[in-house]
Amino acid sequence: GTPFEQGYGSKPFDIASIPAALAGLLVSP
């Protein structure tokens, strides 16, 4: 019903989690 609605829904993003997630994306086992 709108060109700007994406199918994923309201996915959770959190700037505070960036340092831990960066480590996970780059060097987690």
PDB file of all heavy atoms in Angstrom:
ATOM      1  N   GLY A   1       0.779  -1.231   0.000  1.00  0.00           N
ATOM      2  CA  GLY A   1       0.000   0.000   0.000  1.00  0.00           C
ATOM      3  C   GLY A   1       0.802   1.268   0.000  1.00  0.00           C
ATOM      4  O   GLY A   1       0.240   2.360  -0.046  1.00  0.00           O
ATOM      5  N   THR A   2       2.122   1.186   0.055  1.00  0.00           N
ATOM      6  CA  THR A   2       2.985   2.365   0.018  1.00  0.00           C
ATOM      7  C   THR A   2       4.316   1.953  -0.602  1.00  0.00           C
ATOM      8  O   THR A   2       4.819   0.863  -0.320  1.00  0.00           O
ATOM      9  CB  THR A   2       3.217   2.952   1.423  1.00  0.00           C
ATOM     10  OG1 THR A   2       4.269   3.930   1.342  1.00  0.00           O
ATOM     11  CG2 THR A   2       3.604   1.880   2.413  1.00  0.00           C
ATOM     12  N   PRO A   3       4.905   2.812  -1.425  1.00  0.00           N
ATOM     13  CA  PRO A   3       6.180   2.444  -2.045  1.00  0.00           C
ATOM     14  C   PRO A   3       7.347   2.406  -1.073  1.00  0.00           C
ATOM     15  O   PRO A   3       8.424   1.921  -1.423  1.00  0.00           O
ATOM     16  CB  PRO A   3       6.379   3.543  -3.102  1.00  0.00           C
ATOM     17  CG  PRO A   3       5.585   4.698  -2.611  1.00  0.00           C
ATOM     18  CD  PRO A   3       4.399   4.109  -1.911  1.00  0.00           C
ATOM     19  N   PHE A   4       7.153   2.912   0.148  1.00  0.00           N
ATOM     20  CA  PHE A   4       8.261   2.984   1.093  1.00  0.00           C
ATOM     21  C   PHE A   4       8.140   1.955   2.219  1.00  0.00           C
ATOM     22  O   PHE A   4       8.957   1.947   3.132  1.00  0.00           O
ATOM     23  CB  PHE A   4       8.350   4.392   1.680  1.00  0.00           C
ATOM     24  CG  PHE A   4       8.487   5.441   0.612  1.00  0.00           C
ATOM     25  CD1 PHE A   4       7.431   6.288   0.320  1.00  0.00           C
ATOM     26  CD2 PHE A   4       9.652   5.562  -0.117  1.00  0.00           C
ATOM     27  CE1 PHE A   4       7.544   7.251  -0.673  1.00  0.00           C
ATOM     28  CE2 PHE A   4       9.776   6.512  -1.106  1.00  0.00           C
ATOM     29  CZ  PHE A   4       8.719   7.361  -1.394  1.00  0.00           C
ATOM     30  N   GLU A   5       7.158   1.100   2.156  1.00  0.00           N
ATOM     31  CA  GLU A   5       7.046   0.008   3.126  1.00  0.00           C
ATOM     32  C   GLU A   5       7.873  -1.170   2.638  1.00  0.00           C
ATOM     33  O   GLU A   5       7.695  -1.646   1.519  1.00  0.00           O
ATOM     34  CB  GLU A   5       5.588  -0.423   3.278  1.00  0.00           C
ATOM     35  CG  GLU A   5       5.375  -1.819   3.868  1.00  0.00           C
ATOM     36  CD  GLU A   5       5.765  -1.931   5.324  1.00  0.00           C
ATOM     37  OE1 GLU A   5       5.778  -0.880   5.993  1.00  0.00           O
ATOM     38  OE2 GLU A   5       6.059  -3.037   5.787  1.00  0.00           O
ATOM     39  N   GLN A   6       8.821  -1.627   3.436  1.00  0.00           N
ATOM     40  CA  GLN A   6       9.628  -2.787   3.080  1.00  0.00           C
ATOM     41  C   GLN A   6       9.099  -4.012   3.805  1.00  0.00           C
ATOM     42  O   GLN A   6       8.565  -3.929   4.908  1.00  0.00           O
ATOM     43  CB  GLN A   6      11.094  -2.546   3.443  1.00  0.00           C
ATOM     44  CG  GLN A   6      11.670  -1.315   2.776  1.00  0.00           C
ATOM     45  CD  GLN A   6      11.643  -1.398   1.258  1.00  0.00           C
ATOM     46  OE1 GLN A   6      12.238  -2.282   0.672  1.00  0.00           O
ATOM     47  NE2 GLN A   6      10.948  -0.459   0.622  1.00  0.00           N
ATOM     48  N   GLY A   7       9.248  -5.153   3.205  1.00  0.00           N
ATOM     49  CA  GLY A   7       8.629  -6.357   3.742  1.00  0.00           C
ATOM     50  C   GLY A   7       9.210  -6.872   5.030  1.00  0.00           C
ATOM     51  O   GLY A   7       8.599  -7.696   5.703  1.00  0.00           O
ATOM     52  N   TYR A   8      10.398  -6.393   5.423  1.00  0.00           N
ATOM     53  CA  TYR A   8      11.072  -6.943   6.597  1.00  0.00           C
ATOM     54  C   TYR A   8      10.381  -6.583   7.915  1.00  0.00           C
ATOM     55  O   TYR A   8      10.609  -7.239   8.928  1.00  0.00           O
ATOM     56  CB  TYR A   8      12.512  -6.433   6.662  1.00  0.00           C
ATOM     57  CG  TYR A   8      13.413  -6.984   5.596  1.00  0.00           C
ATOM     58  CD1 TYR A   8      13.844  -6.177   4.556  1.00  0.00           C
ATOM     59  CD2 TYR A   8      13.846  -8.300   5.631  1.00  0.00           C
ATOM     60  CE1 TYR A   8      14.688  -6.670   3.571  1.00  0.00           C
ATOM     61  CE2 TYR A   8      14.684  -8.801   4.658  1.00  0.00           C
ATOM     62  CZ  TYR A   8      15.103  -7.985   3.631  1.00  0.00           C
ATOM     63  OH  TYR A   8      15.938  -8.472   2.659  1.00  0.00           O
ATOM     64  N   GLY A   9       9.574  -5.530   7.924  1.00  0.00           N
ATOM     65  CA  GLY A   9       8.995  -5.078   9.180  1.00  0.00           C
ATOM     66  C   GLY A   9       9.938  -4.136   9.908  1.00  0.00           C
ATOM     67  O   GLY A   9      10.896  -3.610   9.336  1.00  0.00           O
ATOM     68  N   SER A  10       9.693  -3.927  11.188  1.00  0.00           N
ATOM     69  CA  SER A  10      10.498  -2.992  11.995  1.00  0.00           C
ATOM     70  C   SER A  10      11.678  -3.734  12.605  1.00  0.00           C
ATOM     71  O   SER A  10      11.677  -4.093  13.784  1.00  0.00           O
ATOM     72  CB  SER A  10       9.635  -2.352  13.086  1.00  0.00           C
ATOM     73  OG  SER A  10       8.548  -1.667  12.508  1.00  0.00           O
ATOM     74  N   LYS A  11      12.685  -3.991  11.796  1.00  0.00           N
ATOM     75  CA  LYS A  11      13.851  -4.716  12.284  1.00  0.00           C
ATOM     76  C   LYS A  11      14.593  -3.889  13.335  1.00  0.00           C
ATOM     77  O   LYS A  11      14.737  -2.671  13.211  1.00  0.00           O
ATOM     78  CB  LYS A  11      14.793  -5.034  11.122  1.00  0.00           C
ATOM     79  CG  LYS A  11      14.278  -6.144  10.208  1.00  0.00           C
ATOM     80  CD  LYS A  11      14.260  -7.471  10.929  1.00  0.00           C
ATOM     81  CE  LYS A  11      13.929  -8.614   9.992  1.00  0.00           C
ATOM     82  NZ  LYS A  11      13.957  -9.896  10.672  1.00  0.00           N
ATOM     83  N   PRO A  12      15.088  -4.553  14.403  1.00  0.00           N
ATOM     84  CA  PRO A  12      15.749  -3.814  15.491  1.00  0.00           C
ATOM     85  C   PRO A  12      17.197  -3.469  15.170  1.00  0.00           C
ATOM     86  O   PRO A  12      18.006  -4.337  14.850  1.00  0.00           O
ATOM     87  CB  PRO A  12      15.673  -4.802  16.663  1.00  0.00           C
ATOM     88  CG  PRO A  12      15.595  -6.151  16.025  1.00  0.00           C
ATOM     89  CD  PRO A  12      14.896  -5.976  14.719  1.00  0.00           C
ATOM     90  N   PHE A  13      17.526  -2.176  15.236  1.00  0.00           N
ATOM     91  CA  PHE A  13      18.896  -1.691  15.085  1.00  0.00           C
ATOM     92  C   PHE A  13      19.267  -0.923  16.341  1.00  0.00           C
ATOM     93  O   PHE A  13      18.437  -0.217  16.914  1.00  0.00           O
ATOM     94  CB  PHE A  13      19.027  -0.794  13.857  1.00  0.00           C
ATOM     95  CG  PHE A  13      18.919  -1.530  12.553  1.00  0.00           C
ATOM     96  CD1 PHE A  13      17.676  -1.777  11.982  1.00  0.00           C
ATOM     97  CD2 PHE A  13      20.051  -1.989  11.905  1.00  0.00           C
ATOM     98  CE1 PHE A  13      17.575  -2.461  10.784  1.00  0.00           C
ATOM     99  CE2 PHE A  13      19.957  -2.680  10.704  1.00  0.00           C
ATOM    100  CZ  PHE A  13      18.712  -2.912  10.133  1.00  0.00           C
ATOM    101  N   ASP A  14      20.520  -1.051  16.766  1.00  0.00           N
ATOM    102  CA  ASP A  14      20.950  -0.426  18.014  1.00  0.00           C
ATOM    103  C   ASP A  14      22.400   0.033  17.867  1.00  0.00           C
ATOM    104  O   ASP A  14      23.317  -0.796  17.742  1.00  0.00           O
ATOM    105  CB  ASP A  14      20.829  -1.419  19.170  1.00  0.00           C
ATOM    106  CG  ASP A  14      21.207  -0.810  20.510  1.00  0.00           C
ATOM    107  OD1 ASP A  14      21.394   0.427  20.566  1.00  0.00           O
ATOM    108  OD2 ASP A  14      21.322  -1.560  21.496  1.00  0.00           O
ATOM    109  N   ILE A  15      22.605   1.344  17.862  1.00  0.00           N
ATOM    110  CA  ILE A  15      23.952   1.890  17.706  1.00  0.00           C
ATOM    111  C   ILE A  15      24.856   1.452  18.858  1.00  0.00           C
ATOM    112  O   ILE A  15      26.054   1.214  18.669  1.00  0.00           O
ATOM    113  CB  ILE A  15      23.883   3.422  17.626  1.00  0.00           C
ATOM    114  CG1 ILE A  15      23.141   3.844  16.354  1.00  0.00           C
ATOM    115  CG2 ILE A  15      25.290   4.031  17.633  1.00  0.00           C
ATOM    116  CD1 ILE A  15      22.983   5.337  16.193  1.00  0.00           C
ATOM    117  N   ALA A  16      24.283   1.303  20.048  1.00  0.00           N
ATOM    118  CA  ALA A  16      25.091   0.930  21.212  1.00  0.00           C
ATOM    119  C   ALA A  16      25.710  -0.450  21.071  1.00  0.00           C
ATOM    120  O   ALA A  16      26.723  -0.755  21.706  1.00  0.00           O
ATOM    121  CB  ALA A  16      24.231   0.992  22.480  1.00  0.00           C
ATOM    122  N   SER A  17      25.122  -1.301  20.235  1.00  0.00           N
ATOM    123  CA  SER A  17      25.630  -2.665  20.100  1.00  0.00           C
ATOM    124  C   SER A  17      26.743  -2.780  19.062  1.00  0.00           C
ATOM    125  O   SER A  17      27.285  -3.876  18.866  1.00  0.00           O
ATOM    126  CB  SER A  17      24.481  -3.604  19.700  1.00  0.00           C
ATOM    127  OG  SER A  17      24.039  -3.313  18.370  1.00  0.00           O
ATOM    128  N   ILE A  18      27.100  -1.676  18.389  1.00  0.00           N
ATOM    129  CA  ILE A  18      28.040  -1.746  17.277  1.00  0.00           C
ATOM    130  C   ILE A  18      29.409  -2.311  17.679  1.00  0.00           C
ATOM    131  O   ILE A  18      29.931  -3.192  16.980  1.00  0.00           O
ATOM    132  CB  ILE A  18      28.185  -0.364  16.606  1.00  0.00           C
ATOM    133  CG1 ILE A  18      26.918  -0.057  15.790  1.00  0.00           C
ATOM    134  CG2 ILE A  18      29.408  -0.304  15.721  1.00  0.00           C
ATOM    135  CD1 ILE A  18      26.925   1.286  15.094  1.00  0.00           C
ATOM    136  N   PRO A  19      30.048  -1.879  18.771  1.00  0.00           N
ATOM    137  CA  PRO A  19      31.391  -2.412  19.065  1.00  0.00           C
ATOM    138  C   PRO A  19      31.418  -3.931  19.225  1.00  0.00           C
ATOM    139  O   PRO A  19      32.284  -4.600  18.634  1.00  0.00           O
ATOM    140  CB  PRO A  19      31.770  -1.699  20.372  1.00  0.00           C
ATOM    141  CG  PRO A  19      30.980  -0.424  20.344  1.00  0.00           C
ATOM    142  CD  PRO A  19      29.675  -0.785  19.689  1.00  0.00           C
ATOM    143  N   ALA A  20      30.483  -4.483  19.983  1.00  0.00           N
ATOM    144  CA  ALA A  20      30.467  -5.934  20.181  1.00  0.00           C
ATOM    145  C   ALA A  20      30.143  -6.672  18.893  1.00  0.00           C
ATOM    146  O   ALA A  20      30.753  -7.699  18.571  1.00  0.00           O
ATOM    147  CB  ALA A  20      29.452  -6.298  21.264  1.00  0.00           C
ATOM    148  N   ALA A  21      29.192  -6.142  18.129  1.00  0.00           N
ATOM    149  CA  ALA A  21      28.819  -6.793  16.881  1.00  0.00           C
ATOM    150  C   ALA A  21      29.928  -6.686  15.838  1.00  0.00           C
ATOM    151  O   ALA A  21      30.135  -7.606  15.043  1.00  0.00           O
ATOM    152  CB  ALA A  21      27.525  -6.202  16.337  1.00  0.00           C
ATOM    153  N   LEU A  22      30.654  -5.559  15.828  1.00  0.00           N
ATOM    154  CA  LEU A  22      31.794  -5.433  14.926  1.00  0.00           C
ATOM    155  C   LEU A  22      32.820  -6.526  15.197  1.00  0.00           C
ATOM    156  O   LEU A  22      33.339  -7.158  14.264  1.00  0.00           O
ATOM    157  CB  LEU A  22      32.455  -4.067  15.101  1.00  0.00           C
ATOM    158  CG  LEU A  22      31.985  -2.931  14.200  1.00  0.00           C
ATOM    159  CD1 LEU A  22      32.732  -1.654  14.557  1.00  0.00           C
ATOM    160  CD2 LEU A  22      32.182  -3.274  12.734  1.00  0.00           C
ATOM    161  N   ALA A  23      33.101  -6.742  16.462  1.00  0.00           N
ATOM    162  CA  ALA A  23      34.031  -7.814  16.816  1.00  0.00           C
ATOM    163  C   ALA A  23      33.487  -9.162  16.353  1.00  0.00           C
ATOM    164  O   ALA A  23      34.234 -10.006  15.841  1.00  0.00           O
ATOM    165  CB  ALA A  23      34.273  -7.814  18.325  1.00  0.00           C
ATOM    166  N   GLY A  24      32.182  -9.353  16.516  1.00  0.00           N
ATOM    167  CA  GLY A  24      31.582 -10.606  16.076  1.00  0.00           C
ATOM    168  C   GLY A  24      31.664 -10.806  14.582  1.00  0.00           C
ATOM    169  O   GLY A  24      31.974 -11.897  14.097  1.00  0.00           O
ATOM    170  N   LEU A  25      31.396  -9.748  13.826  1.00  0.00           N
ATOM    171  CA  LEU A  25      31.425  -9.845  12.365  1.00  0.00           C
ATOM    172  C   LEU A  25      32.833 -10.085  11.835  1.00  0.00           C
ATOM    173  O   LEU A  25      33.004 -10.722  10.788  1.00  0.00           O
ATOM    174  CB  LEU A  25      30.870  -8.558  11.753  1.00  0.00           C
ATOM    175  CG  LEU A  25      29.347  -8.376  11.817  1.00  0.00           C
ATOM    176  CD1 LEU A  25      28.982  -6.935  11.494  1.00  0.00           C
ATOM    177  CD2 LEU A  25      28.651  -9.335  10.859  1.00  0.00           C
ATOM    178  N   LEU A  26      33.837  -9.598  12.552  1.00  0.00           N
ATOM    179  CA  LEU A  26      35.196  -9.660  12.023  1.00  0.00           C
ATOM    180  C   LEU A  26      36.040 -10.790  12.613  1.00  0.00           C
ATOM    181  O   LEU A  26      36.803 -11.429  11.875  1.00  0.00           O
ATOM    182  CB  LEU A  26      35.903  -8.322  12.254  1.00  0.00           C
ATOM    183  CG  LEU A  26      35.283  -7.116  11.529  1.00  0.00           C
ATOM    184  CD1 LEU A  26      36.027  -5.832  11.899  1.00  0.00           C
ATOM    185  CD2 LEU A  26      35.283  -7.313  10.022  1.00  0.00           C
ATOM    186  N   VAL A  27      35.907 -11.066  13.921  1.00  0.00           N
ATOM    187  CA  VAL A  27      36.851 -12.007  14.539  1.00  0.00           C
ATOM    188  C   VAL A  27      36.195 -13.062  15.420  1.00  0.00           C
ATOM    189  O   VAL A  27      36.915 -13.831  16.069  1.00  0.00           O
ATOM    190  CB  VAL A  27      37.922 -11.253  15.357  1.00  0.00           C
ATOM    191  CG1 VAL A  27      38.767 -10.375  14.455  1.00  0.00           C
ATOM    192  CG2 VAL A  27      37.292 -10.424  16.475  1.00  0.00           C
ATOM    193  N   SER A  28      34.871 -13.142  15.503  1.00  0.00           N
ATOM    194  CA  SER A  28      34.276 -14.204  16.316  1.00  0.00           C
ATOM    195  C   SER A  28      34.591 -15.558  15.681  1.00  0.00           C
ATOM    196  O   SER A  28      34.668 -15.669  14.454  1.00  0.00           O
ATOM    197  CB  SER A  28      32.761 -14.020  16.437  1.00  0.00           C
ATOM    198  OG  SER A  28      32.125 -14.160  15.181  1.00  0.00           O
ATOM    199  N   PRO A  29      34.778 -16.610  16.488  1.00  0.00           N
ATOM    200  CA  PRO A  29      35.225 -17.897  15.942  1.00  0.00           C
ATOM    201  C   PRO A  29      34.243 -18.553  14.982  1.00  0.00           C
ATOM    202  O   PRO A  29      34.659 -19.370  14.152  1.00  0.00           O
ATOM    203  CB  PRO A  29      35.420 -18.760  17.198  1.00  0.00           C
ATOM    204  CG  PRO A  29      34.602 -18.098  18.257  1.00  0.00           C
ATOM    205  CD  PRO A  29      34.641 -16.636  17.957  1.00  0.00           C
TER     206      PRO A  29
END
